[in-house]
Protein backbone atom coordinates (compact mmCIF):
# COMPACT_ATOMS: atom_id res chain seq x y z
CA MET A 1 53.44 -8.92 22.26
CA ASP A 2 51.70 -11.24 19.81
CA ASN A 3 49.74 -12.81 22.65
CA ILE A 4 48.65 -9.42 23.99
CA TYR A 5 47.53 -8.27 20.56
CA LYS A 6 45.57 -11.52 20.16
CA GLU A 7 43.87 -10.84 23.49
CA ALA A 8 42.99 -7.35 22.29
CA ILE A 9 41.54 -8.75 19.06
CA LYS A 10 39.42 -11.20 21.10
CA ILE A 11 37.69 -8.31 22.85
CA LYS A 12 37.18 -6.24 19.69
CA ASP A 13 33.39 -6.60 19.83
CA PHE A 14 33.47 -5.52 23.49
CA LEU A 15 35.47 -2.44 22.50
CA ILE A 16 33.18 -1.53 19.61
CA ASP A 17 30.04 -1.94 21.71
CA ILE A 18 31.40 0.34 24.42
CA ARG A 19 32.65 2.94 21.97
CA ARG A 20 29.33 3.06 20.12
CA ASN A 21 27.38 3.31 23.36
CA PHE A 22 29.43 6.34 24.37
CA HIS A 23 29.16 7.76 20.85
CA MET A 24 25.36 7.56 20.84
CA ASN A 25 25.12 9.18 24.26
CA PRO A 26 27.56 12.11 24.27
CA GLU A 27 27.78 14.53 27.18
CA LEU A 28 29.57 17.87 27.35
CA GLY A 29 32.33 18.76 29.82
CA THR A 30 31.26 18.76 33.51
CA GLU A 31 27.99 17.08 32.46
CA GLU A 32 29.27 13.51 31.97
CA TYR A 33 26.94 11.93 34.56
CA ASN A 34 25.62 9.02 32.46
CA THR A 35 29.09 8.44 31.03
CA HIS A 36 30.42 8.35 34.60
CA ASP A 37 27.81 5.76 35.62
CA LYS A 38 28.49 3.61 32.55
CA ILE A 39 32.23 3.53 33.28
CA CYS A 40 31.56 2.56 36.90
CA GLU A 41 29.20 -0.18 35.74
CA ILE A 42 31.83 -1.67 33.43
CA LEU A 43 34.64 -1.44 36.02
CA GLU A 44 32.38 -3.20 38.52
CA SER A 45 31.65 -5.97 36.01
CA LEU A 46 35.42 -6.42 35.64
CA ASN A 47 35.88 -6.58 39.44
CA ILE A 48 38.09 -3.50 39.34
CA GLU A 49 38.25 -1.24 42.39
CA TYR A 50 37.21 2.34 41.59
CA LYS A 51 36.38 5.73 43.07
CA ARG A 52 33.38 7.72 41.86
CA ASN A 53 32.78 11.46 41.45
CA VAL A 54 36.39 12.62 41.27
CA ALA A 55 36.26 16.25 40.09
CA ASP A 56 32.47 15.69 40.03
CA THR A 57 32.14 13.40 37.01
CA GLY A 58 35.55 11.72 36.82
CA VAL A 59 36.30 8.11 37.75
CA VAL A 60 39.54 6.56 39.00
CA GLY A 61 40.02 2.80 38.94
CA ILE A 62 42.96 0.90 40.35
CA ILE A 63 44.39 -2.55 39.64
CA ARG A 64 46.68 -3.58 42.47
CA GLY A 65 49.41 -5.97 41.43
CA LYS A 66 50.35 -8.92 43.59
CA ASN A 67 53.95 -7.76 43.83
CA LYS A 68 54.98 -4.37 45.17
CA GLY A 69 56.40 -1.95 42.67
CA LYS A 70 55.73 1.28 40.89
CA THR A 71 52.35 2.73 39.98
CA ILE A 72 51.57 3.66 36.41
CA ALA A 73 48.51 5.55 35.21
CA LEU A 74 46.53 5.42 31.98
CA ARG A 75 44.25 8.34 31.12
CA ALA A 76 41.18 8.77 28.91
CA ASP A 77 39.13 11.94 28.54
CA MET A 78 35.34 11.68 28.60
CA ASP A 79 33.61 14.77 27.21
CA ALA A 80 31.94 15.41 23.86
CA LEU A 81 31.47 18.61 21.84
CA PRO A 82 28.49 20.90 21.08
CA ILE A 83 28.26 19.77 17.43
CA ILE A 84 25.32 18.37 15.44
CA GLU A 85 26.50 15.06 13.97
CA LYS A 86 26.10 14.68 10.19
CA ASN A 87 27.24 11.05 9.91
CA GLU A 88 24.55 8.61 8.83
CA VAL A 89 25.65 5.58 10.84
CA GLU A 90 23.78 3.21 13.14
CA TYR A 91 25.64 4.61 16.14
CA LYS A 92 24.92 8.27 15.34
CA SER A 93 24.52 10.58 18.33
CA LYS A 94 21.07 10.43 19.89
CA ILE A 95 21.55 13.78 21.62
CA ASP A 96 20.75 16.71 19.36
CA GLY A 97 23.56 19.23 19.23
CA LYS A 98 26.12 17.01 20.98
CA MET A 99 28.69 14.71 19.40
CA HIS A 100 31.86 12.79 20.16
CA ALA A 101 33.76 14.60 17.41
CA CYS A 102 37.25 14.27 18.89
CA GLY A 103 37.55 10.56 19.68
CA HIS A 104 37.03 10.64 23.44
CA ASP A 105 34.51 7.81 23.07
CA ALA A 106 37.33 5.71 21.60
CA HIS A 107 39.76 6.81 24.34
CA MET A 108 37.37 5.52 27.03
CA SER A 109 36.78 2.28 25.14
CA ILE A 110 40.54 1.68 24.80
CA LEU A 111 41.15 2.33 28.49
CA LEU A 112 38.35 -0.02 29.51
CA GLY A 113 39.70 -2.66 27.15
CA ALA A 114 43.21 -2.31 28.55
CA SER A 115 41.70 -2.50 32.04
CA LYS A 116 39.95 -5.76 31.15
CA ILE A 117 43.17 -7.42 29.99
CA LEU A 118 45.34 -6.04 32.81
CA ALA A 119 42.81 -7.05 35.48
CA GLN A 120 43.17 -10.66 34.31
CA MET A 121 46.94 -10.35 34.79
CA LYS A 122 47.00 -8.65 38.20
CA ASP A 123 48.61 -11.59 39.97
CA GLN A 124 51.57 -11.22 37.60
CA LEU A 125 51.94 -7.44 37.86
CA ASN A 126 54.95 -5.89 39.57
CA GLY A 127 53.09 -2.77 40.66
CA ASN A 128 49.79 -0.95 40.38
CA ILE A 129 47.80 0.60 37.55
CA LYS A 130 45.58 3.65 37.94
CA LEU A 131 42.81 4.11 35.41
CA ILE A 132 41.97 7.81 35.06
CA PHE A 133 38.73 8.75 33.31
CA GLN A 134 38.93 12.52 33.10
CA PRO A 135 36.08 14.97 32.47
CA ALA A 136 36.04 18.36 30.75
CA GLU A 137 39.17 18.23 28.58
CA GLU A 138 37.44 20.33 25.93
CA THR A 139 36.17 23.00 28.34
CA VAL A 140 37.36 23.98 31.81
CA GLY A 141 40.07 21.31 32.06
CA GLY A 142 39.47 18.32 34.30
CA ALA A 143 43.08 17.18 34.65
CA GLU A 144 44.14 19.93 37.02
CA ARG A 145 41.02 19.44 39.16
CA MET A 146 41.62 15.70 39.42
CA ILE A 147 45.24 16.29 40.45
CA LYS A 148 44.15 18.72 43.15
CA GLU A 149 41.79 16.04 44.45
CA GLY A 150 44.70 13.62 44.84
CA VAL A 151 44.45 11.37 41.78
CA MET A 152 48.25 11.21 41.50
CA GLU A 153 48.69 10.09 45.12
CA ASP A 154 47.87 7.09 47.34
CA PRO A 155 49.60 5.31 45.73
CA LYS A 156 51.85 7.90 44.11
CA VAL A 157 51.89 7.72 40.31
CA ASP A 158 55.40 7.15 38.91
CA ALA A 159 54.50 7.54 35.22
CA ILE A 160 51.49 8.10 32.97
CA PHE A 161 50.50 7.23 29.39
CA GLY A 162 47.86 8.98 27.31
CA LEU A 163 46.79 8.73 23.69
CA HIS A 164 44.62 10.62 21.23
CA MET A 165 42.90 9.48 18.07
CA ALA A 166 44.66 10.92 15.01
CA PRO A 167 42.42 11.34 11.93
CA GLU A 168 45.39 12.58 9.91
CA ILE A 169 47.20 9.25 10.36
CA PRO A 170 46.13 5.95 8.71
CA VAL A 171 44.86 3.21 10.98
CA GLY A 172 47.65 0.83 11.96
CA LYS A 173 50.15 3.63 12.59
CA VAL A 174 51.08 5.69 15.65
CA ALA A 175 52.84 9.04 15.93
CA LEU A 176 55.23 10.13 18.67
CA LYS A 177 56.78 13.49 19.52
CA TYR A 178 59.89 13.98 21.60
CA ASP A 179 59.93 16.89 24.05
CA LYS A 180 57.45 19.74 23.32
CA MET A 181 54.24 18.45 21.74
CA ASN A 182 51.44 20.96 22.42
CA ALA A 183 51.30 24.64 23.25
CA SER A 184 50.14 26.51 26.32
CA SER A 185 47.15 28.82 25.93
CA ASP A 186 45.94 32.09 27.41
CA THR A 187 42.80 34.07 26.61
CA LEU A 188 43.42 37.80 26.20
CA ASN A 189 40.73 40.25 27.35
CA ILE A 190 41.51 43.83 26.33
CA GLU A 191 39.50 47.01 26.82
CA ILE A 192 40.47 50.36 25.29
CA ARG A 193 38.76 53.45 26.68
CA GLY A 194 38.54 56.84 24.99
CA GLU A 195 36.02 59.65 25.02
CA SER A 196 32.94 59.81 22.85
CA THR A 197 32.14 62.73 20.55
CA HIS A 198 30.50 63.45 17.20
CA GLY A 199 32.27 61.89 14.23
CA ALA A 200 32.43 65.29 12.57
CA TYR A 201 34.53 66.67 15.43
CA PRO A 202 37.03 63.91 16.33
CA HIS A 203 39.40 66.43 17.90
CA SER A 204 36.88 66.92 20.70
CA GLY A 205 37.13 63.31 21.89
CA VAL A 206 39.50 60.34 22.12
CA ASP A 207 38.95 57.69 19.43
CA SER A 208 39.13 54.25 21.06
CA ILE A 209 38.87 52.53 17.68
CA VAL A 210 41.97 54.26 16.35
CA ILE A 211 43.80 53.40 19.58
CA ALA A 212 42.63 49.78 19.32
CA SER A 213 44.01 49.54 15.79
CA GLN A 214 47.41 50.75 17.02
CA VAL A 215 47.31 48.20 19.84
CA ILE A 216 46.46 45.33 17.47
CA ASN A 217 49.27 46.25 15.08
CA SER A 218 51.76 46.46 17.94
CA LEU A 219 50.67 43.10 19.36
CA GLN A 220 51.76 41.48 16.10
CA THR A 221 55.34 42.59 16.71
CA ILE A 222 55.58 40.47 19.86
CA VAL A 223 56.15 37.30 17.85
CA SER A 224 57.91 38.80 14.83
CA ARG A 225 60.41 40.84 16.87
CA ASN A 226 60.66 39.17 20.27
CA VAL A 227 60.35 35.42 19.70
CA SER A 228 63.23 33.45 18.20
CA PRO A 229 62.49 32.05 14.71
CA LEU A 230 63.48 28.67 16.20
CA ASP A 231 60.71 28.97 18.80
CA SER A 232 56.97 29.23 18.11
CA ALA A 233 54.24 31.51 19.39
CA VAL A 234 50.98 33.01 18.18
CA VAL A 235 49.10 36.15 19.23
CA SER A 236 45.68 36.37 17.58
CA ILE A 237 42.79 38.76 18.18
CA GLY A 238 39.57 37.00 17.25
CA GLN A 239 36.91 39.40 18.53
CA ILE A 240 36.57 43.18 18.50
CA ASN A 241 33.49 45.18 19.50
CA GLY A 242 33.07 48.94 19.82
CA GLY A 243 30.96 51.90 18.84
CA SER A 244 27.24 52.55 18.69
CA ALA A 245 26.74 54.49 15.44
CA HIS A 246 28.57 55.29 12.21
CA ASN A 247 28.98 58.97 13.06
CA ILE A 248 29.94 58.77 16.73
CA ILE A 249 33.50 58.36 17.99
CA ALA A 250 33.48 55.23 20.14
CA ASN A 251 34.41 55.68 23.77
CA SER A 252 35.18 51.98 24.32
CA VAL A 253 36.46 48.99 22.37
CA LYS A 254 36.62 45.45 23.76
CA MET A 255 38.76 42.74 22.22
CA ARG A 256 39.40 39.06 22.90
CA GLY A 257 42.22 36.96 21.60
CA THR A 258 44.51 34.04 22.27
CA LEU A 259 48.18 33.54 23.06
CA ARG A 260 49.82 30.19 22.25
CA THR A 261 53.40 29.40 23.28
CA LEU A 262 55.63 26.34 23.63
CA SER A 263 58.12 27.68 26.17
CA PRO A 264 57.30 28.89 29.71
CA ASP A 265 59.86 31.69 29.26
CA THR A 266 58.28 32.78 25.97
CA ARG A 267 54.86 32.70 27.60
CA LYS A 268 56.02 34.93 30.45
CA MET A 269 57.72 37.38 28.07
CA ALA A 270 54.72 37.58 25.72
CA LEU A 271 52.27 38.25 28.56
CA GLU A 272 54.47 41.04 29.87
CA LYS A 273 54.72 42.59 26.39
CA ILE A 274 50.95 42.38 25.89
CA LYS A 275 50.38 44.16 29.19
CA ASP A 276 52.89 46.89 28.31
CA ILE A 277 51.40 47.47 24.85
CA VAL A 278 47.79 47.53 26.05
CA GLU A 279 48.54 49.93 28.88
CA ASP A 280 51.19 52.20 27.33
CA ILE A 281 50.03 52.86 23.77
CA PRO A 282 46.62 54.25 24.82
CA LYS A 283 48.33 56.65 27.22
CA THR A 284 50.26 58.26 24.36
CA LEU A 285 46.93 58.88 22.58
CA LYS A 286 45.11 60.20 25.67
CA GLY A 287 43.22 56.96 26.21
CA GLU A 288 43.36 54.11 28.66
CA GLY A 289 44.02 50.40 28.19
CA ARG A 290 43.21 47.45 30.43
CA PHE A 291 44.40 43.85 30.04
CA ILE A 292 43.00 40.79 31.85
CA ARG A 293 44.50 37.37 31.23
CA GLU A 294 42.51 34.14 31.54
CA GLU A 295 45.11 31.45 32.12
CA GLY A 296 44.62 28.39 29.95
CA TYR A 297 46.43 25.06 29.68
CA MET A 298 50.18 24.75 30.03
CA ALA A 299 52.46 23.38 27.32
CA LEU A 300 52.53 19.60 26.95
CA ILE A 301 56.13 18.36 27.14
CA ASN A 302 56.79 14.64 26.82
CA ASP A 303 59.52 12.86 28.78
CA ASN A 304 61.96 11.66 26.13
CA ASP A 305 62.81 8.39 27.88
CA MET A 306 59.10 7.54 28.00
CA VAL A 307 58.80 8.39 24.30
CA LYS A 308 61.65 5.95 23.62
CA LEU A 309 59.84 3.26 25.60
CA VAL A 310 56.63 3.65 23.58
CA LYS A 311 58.59 3.78 20.32
CA LYS A 312 60.35 0.52 21.16
CA ASN A 313 57.02 -1.13 21.96
CA ALA A 314 55.27 0.29 18.89
CA ASP A 315 58.16 -0.77 16.62
CA LYS A 316 57.77 -4.36 17.83
CA LEU A 317 53.97 -4.36 17.74
CA LEU A 318 53.36 -2.54 14.45
CA GLY A 319 56.72 -2.49 12.67
CA GLU A 320 59.11 0.46 12.46
CA LYS A 321 57.59 1.73 9.20
CA ASN A 322 54.30 2.28 11.03
CA VAL A 323 55.78 4.46 13.77
CA ILE A 324 55.94 8.14 12.84
CA ILE A 325 58.15 10.65 14.64
CA ILE A 326 56.48 14.07 14.60
CA ASP A 327 59.05 16.76 13.83
CA ARG A 328 57.02 19.85 14.80
CA PRO A 329 54.91 20.60 17.85
CA SER A 330 51.27 21.67 17.58
CA LEU A 331 50.00 25.03 18.80
CA GLY A 332 46.79 23.28 19.81
CA VAL A 333 46.35 22.55 23.51
CA GLU A 334 45.81 19.42 25.59
CA ASP A 335 45.32 19.34 29.37
CA PHE A 336 47.17 16.02 29.68
CA ALA A 337 50.01 18.52 30.17
CA TYR A 338 49.03 18.87 33.84
CA PHE A 339 49.64 15.17 34.46
CA LEU A 340 53.07 15.50 32.82
CA GLU A 341 53.88 18.40 35.12
CA ASN A 342 53.43 16.01 38.05
CA THR A 343 55.21 12.90 36.79
CA ASP A 344 57.09 11.38 33.86
CA GLY A 345 54.94 10.37 30.94
CA VAL A 346 54.12 10.46 27.28
CA PHE A 347 51.18 11.45 25.11
CA PHE A 348 50.99 9.95 21.64
CA ARG A 349 48.68 9.81 18.63
CA LEU A 350 46.89 6.69 17.36
CA GLY A 351 45.97 6.56 13.68
CA CYS A 352 42.26 6.13 12.88
CA ARG A 353 42.00 7.35 9.27
CA ASN A 354 40.73 5.08 6.48
CA GLU A 355 40.16 6.76 3.12
CA LYS A 356 38.57 3.63 1.60
CA LYS A 357 35.85 3.79 4.26
CA GLY A 358 35.46 7.56 3.89
CA ILE A 359 36.88 8.16 7.37
CA VAL A 360 38.86 11.29 6.53
CA HIS A 361 37.48 14.19 8.58
CA ASP A 362 39.45 16.09 11.18
CA GLY A 363 38.56 16.33 14.84
CA HIS A 364 35.74 18.78 15.72
CA HIS A 365 34.18 18.17 12.29
CA ASP A 366 30.49 17.19 12.13
CA LYS A 367 31.45 14.08 10.12
CA PHE A 368 34.37 12.99 12.28
CA ASP A 369 34.56 9.23 12.76
CA ILE A 370 37.19 6.57 13.40
CA ASP A 371 38.12 3.26 11.88
CA GLU A 372 37.33 0.95 14.80
CA GLU A 373 40.24 -1.30 13.82
CA ALA A 374 42.27 1.22 15.81
CA LEU A 375 40.65 0.16 19.08
CA PRO A 376 42.44 -3.19 19.66
CA ILE A 377 45.71 -1.61 18.49
CA GLY A 378 45.36 1.09 21.14
CA VAL A 379 44.50 -1.48 23.79
CA ALA A 380 47.45 -3.73 22.95
CA LEU A 381 49.93 -0.86 22.90
CA GLN A 382 48.76 0.55 26.23
CA VAL A 383 48.91 -2.87 27.88
CA ILE A 384 52.42 -3.43 26.53
CA ASN A 385 53.48 0.04 27.68
CA VAL A 386 52.33 -0.77 31.21
CA LEU A 387 54.04 -4.15 31.36
CA GLU A 388 57.31 -2.86 29.94
CA PHE A 389 57.37 0.06 32.35
CA LEU A 390 56.62 -2.14 35.36
CA LYS A 391 59.55 -4.37 34.43
């Protein structure tokens, strides 16, 4: 492990240069064309076999070991966010209104660094390594598209590792979560229909705003009265639009919200309850309700044996005091979940916070940044994870 970490330190400048290049040239989900070309260019310089244009802008590299064995995958997401960067650094985004504010630039740099070290060891590898550069994690979800295009096959992936920069955790530490780590998500589209009339004569119409208020209040009982206190779920309505004037009863109200759950059973139950509430309550008030669900990401559930493997490696690399076990899942989403639906794997968090350097802002903040000392740590840990698994 000491030797691998030393190798990662040796390529620190390589890692920083790549990360800053990506940071200065951010691209949004499904638009990562220059990022795609840059990744291909670096893989080619490392003599690593790769496939272009997977799910349009994704890239898949492969390092084939000399000895037959299992295939393990490492994943990095590629897309940036529609945010104007406020950091005054030499590597500030050159693209107005776009910024790597979630660490995906670092994820790609770490994967390329791990690829560089592992490619030099391919004659010693007891198996293969797939290098998955995934587009559109922040938007439409590139993981599911890549899977449908066969990224987990030929050769079949036996396990996968993914990481995410963690601005809440000091650099030099990692955080692991057993079992459920991130929630599933669904977008809720609701329309309530009534009948318009003059506000002075409400009895002549059907007030869709009053009905909508009853629906919203009832939606809040789904979690409080149907979900176990030991489970977690959220139903939130974030948008509501209806009416055309202050003295006219609105004939239509449209609402949009989100459902977050950790359990597939809870997700199914909550969606059924939402449908019942939206359709049944308006009927009792002489209105009509319509519910359309936009399915989002599924819950991210780590394989506990894989978590143990990473913990063992991180304990040896960083020391047990620098390995944090997360006790509660997040209701945020992450489409790495689709890879975990298809094979064993683990997703973990890599500390990048440094208060002395002023690196303290959360992801999706216009001043988000990372302590680049995290880059060789991420590389070393991913390389060790691969080698230990292939044993």
